[in-house]
Structure formats: structure tokens, C-alpha cells
Amino acid sequence: MKPWFVYIIHCTDDSLYTGITTDIERRYTEHSMQKGAKYFRGRKPKQLVYQECGHDRSTASKREIEIKKLSRANKLELIKSQ
């Protein structure tokens, strides 16, 4: 059973995108090719800035929701703390 990751991508429009996956490299490539998340239609990923590993699907989804609820300032603090 593959571990799940929670990640944050800094986008070219200066936004922060949070998601989950079992394969960060594959998912980043998909985002770069504008496949998958509709969020990346019209914007592009600039850099993977944060990742957490060791989750199962359930805990990754819960953590993703927690991070998405954070303010931008708090997300930036989370990124810096890594």
C-alpha cells in the first residue's frame, strides 16, 4: 500500500494549490500538462513548495482540508516551517 502525500504548489499567478497524491512527481507533471485538476487550466505550477508524507487516503484528505482552510499567511508559515 503506497503512502499518500499532501502537497502545496506555488503557481505562476502567485497562488498556492494544495492537493494529495501517491506519486508527487507524476502529479506535478500532470498539473504542468494541464491534466487533472481544473485549477491548472489558465495557470501553471511554478514550484513544489511543501509536502507531507506517511498518510493514508483518509488522513491525507483530512489534512488537505485543514491546509485549504488556512489563510495564505498561515500557509506560508507552514511552508517555511518545513
C-alpha atoms as a PDB file:
ATOM      1  CA  MET A   1       0.000   0.000   0.000  1.00  0.00           C
ATOM      2  CA  LYS A   2       1.545   3.280  -1.138  1.00  0.00           C
ATOM      3  CA  PRO A   3       1.689   6.184   1.302  1.00  0.00           C
ATOM      4  CA  TRP A   4      -0.281   9.319   0.452  1.00  0.00           C
ATOM      5  CA  PHE A   5       1.271  12.773   0.291  1.00  0.00           C
ATOM      6  CA  VAL A   6      -0.215  16.189   0.937  1.00  0.00           C
ATOM      7  CA  TYR A   7       1.484  18.895  -1.110  1.00  0.00           C
ATOM      8  CA  ILE A   8       1.410  22.604  -1.896  1.00  0.00           C
ATOM      9  CA  ILE A   9       2.412  24.028  -5.264  1.00  0.00           C
ATOM     10  CA  HIS A  10       3.296  27.681  -5.792  1.00  0.00           C
ATOM     11  CA  CYS A  11       1.752  28.738  -9.109  1.00  0.00           C
ATOM     12  CA  THR A  12       2.857  31.284 -11.710  1.00  0.00           C
ATOM     13  CA  ASP A  13      -0.016  33.599 -10.685  1.00  0.00           C
ATOM     14  CA  ASP A  14       1.393  33.557  -7.098  1.00  0.00           C
ATOM     15  CA  SER A  15      -1.444  31.365  -5.794  1.00  0.00           C
ATOM     16  CA  LEU A  16      -0.935  28.267  -3.660  1.00  0.00           C
ATOM     17  CA  TYR A  17      -2.557  24.981  -4.672  1.00  0.00           C
ATOM     18  CA  THR A  18      -2.988  22.157  -2.149  1.00  0.00           C
ATOM     19  CA  GLY A  19      -3.587  18.550  -3.167  1.00  0.00           C
ATOM     20  CA  ILE A  20      -2.996  14.885  -2.342  1.00  0.00           C
ATOM     21  CA  THR A  21      -1.417  12.042  -4.293  1.00  0.00           C
ATOM     22  CA  THR A  22       0.524   8.792  -4.007  1.00  0.00           C
ATOM     23  CA  ASP A  23       3.109  10.000  -6.562  1.00  0.00           C
ATOM     24  CA  ILE A  24       4.159  13.644  -6.343  1.00  0.00           C
ATOM     25  CA  GLU A  25       6.379  13.648  -9.467  1.00  0.00           C
ATOM     26  CA  ARG A  26       3.611  12.169 -11.629  1.00  0.00           C
ATOM     27  CA  ARG A  27       1.008  14.553 -10.238  1.00  0.00           C
ATOM     28  CA  TYR A  28       3.240  17.610 -10.711  1.00  0.00           C
ATOM     29  CA  THR A  29       3.814  16.566 -14.324  1.00  0.00           C
ATOM     30  CA  GLU A  30       0.059  16.182 -14.821  1.00  0.00           C
ATOM     31  CA  HIS A  31      -0.506  19.667 -13.418  1.00  0.00           C
ATOM     32  CA  SER A  32       2.226  21.041 -15.704  1.00  0.00           C
ATOM     33  CA  MET A  33       0.453  19.485 -18.698  1.00  0.00           C
ATOM     34  CA  GLN A  34      -2.884  20.952 -17.512  1.00  0.00           C
ATOM     35  CA  LYS A  35      -4.336  17.496 -16.914  1.00  0.00           C
ATOM     36  CA  GLY A  36      -6.306  16.558 -13.843  1.00  0.00           C
ATOM     37  CA  ALA A  37      -7.225  19.480 -11.618  1.00  0.00           C
ATOM     38  CA  LYS A  38      -9.247  22.209 -13.331  1.00  0.00           C
ATOM     39  CA  TYR A  39      -7.355  24.688 -11.145  1.00  0.00           C
ATOM     40  CA  PHE A  40      -4.416  24.456 -13.556  1.00  0.00           C
ATOM     41  CA  ARG A  41      -6.379  25.464 -16.616  1.00  0.00           C
ATOM     42  CA  GLY A  42      -5.213  29.027 -17.094  1.00  0.00           C
ATOM     43  CA  ARG A  43      -2.349  28.868 -14.599  1.00  0.00           C
ATOM     44  CA  LYS A  44       0.777  26.778 -14.313  1.00  0.00           C
ATOM     45  CA  PRO A  45       2.695  25.265 -11.422  1.00  0.00           C
ATOM     46  CA  LYS A  46       5.923  27.080 -10.645  1.00  0.00           C
ATOM     47  CA  GLN A  47       7.410  25.040  -7.799  1.00  0.00           C
ATOM     48  CA  LEU A  48       6.540  22.315  -5.320  1.00  0.00           C
ATOM     49  CA  VAL A  49       6.987  24.160  -2.018  1.00  0.00           C
ATOM     50  CA  TYR A  50       5.644  21.752   0.612  1.00  0.00           C
ATOM     51  CA  GLN A  51       4.988  18.058   1.113  1.00  0.00           C
ATOM     52  CA  GLU A  52       3.966  15.769   3.942  1.00  0.00           C
ATOM     53  CA  CYS A  53       4.221  12.008   3.664  1.00  0.00           C
ATOM     54  CA  GLY A  54       3.101   8.994   5.660  1.00  0.00           C
ATOM     55  CA  HIS A  55      -0.631   9.462   5.285  1.00  0.00           C
ATOM     56  CA  ASP A  56      -3.289   7.014   4.195  1.00  0.00           C
ATOM     57  CA  ARG A  57      -6.051   8.246   1.867  1.00  0.00           C
ATOM     58  CA  SER A  58      -8.298   9.278   4.747  1.00  0.00           C
ATOM     59  CA  THR A  59      -5.740  11.234   6.765  1.00  0.00           C
ATOM     60  CA  ALA A  60      -4.330  12.854   3.609  1.00  0.00           C
ATOM     61  CA  SER A  61      -7.803  14.088   2.653  1.00  0.00           C
ATOM     62  CA  LYS A  62      -8.424  15.444   6.142  1.00  0.00           C
ATOM     63  CA  ARG A  63      -5.051  17.195   6.210  1.00  0.00           C
ATOM     64  CA  GLU A  64      -5.678  18.660   2.748  1.00  0.00           C
ATOM     65  CA  ILE A  65      -8.927  20.196   4.016  1.00  0.00           C
ATOM     66  CA  GLU A  66      -7.149  21.581   7.102  1.00  0.00           C
ATOM     67  CA  ILE A  67      -4.492  23.239   4.951  1.00  0.00           C
ATOM     68  CA  LYS A  68      -7.020  24.616   2.455  1.00  0.00           C
ATOM     69  CA  LYS A  69      -8.841  26.326   5.339  1.00  0.00           C
ATOM     70  CA  LEU A  70      -5.669  28.149   6.421  1.00  0.00           C
ATOM     71  CA  SER A  71      -5.117  31.764   5.461  1.00  0.00           C
ATOM     72  CA  ARG A  72      -2.418  32.495   2.901  1.00  0.00           C
ATOM     73  CA  ALA A  73      -0.175  33.839   5.669  1.00  0.00           C
ATOM     74  CA  ASN A  74      -0.580  30.633   7.663  1.00  0.00           C
ATOM     75  CA  LYS A  75       0.142  28.509   4.582  1.00  0.00           C
ATOM     76  CA  LEU A  76       3.351  30.473   4.023  1.00  0.00           C
ATOM     77  CA  GLU A  77       4.327  29.865   7.671  1.00  0.00           C
ATOM     78  CA  LEU A  78       3.658  26.145   7.197  1.00  0.00           C
ATOM     79  CA  ILE A  79       5.880  26.144   4.108  1.00  0.00           C
ATOM     80  CA  LYS A  80       8.674  27.956   5.977  1.00  0.00           C
ATOM     81  CA  SER A  81       8.474  25.524   8.902  1.00  0.00           C
ATOM     82  CA  GLN A  82       9.270  22.512   6.743  1.00  0.00           C
END
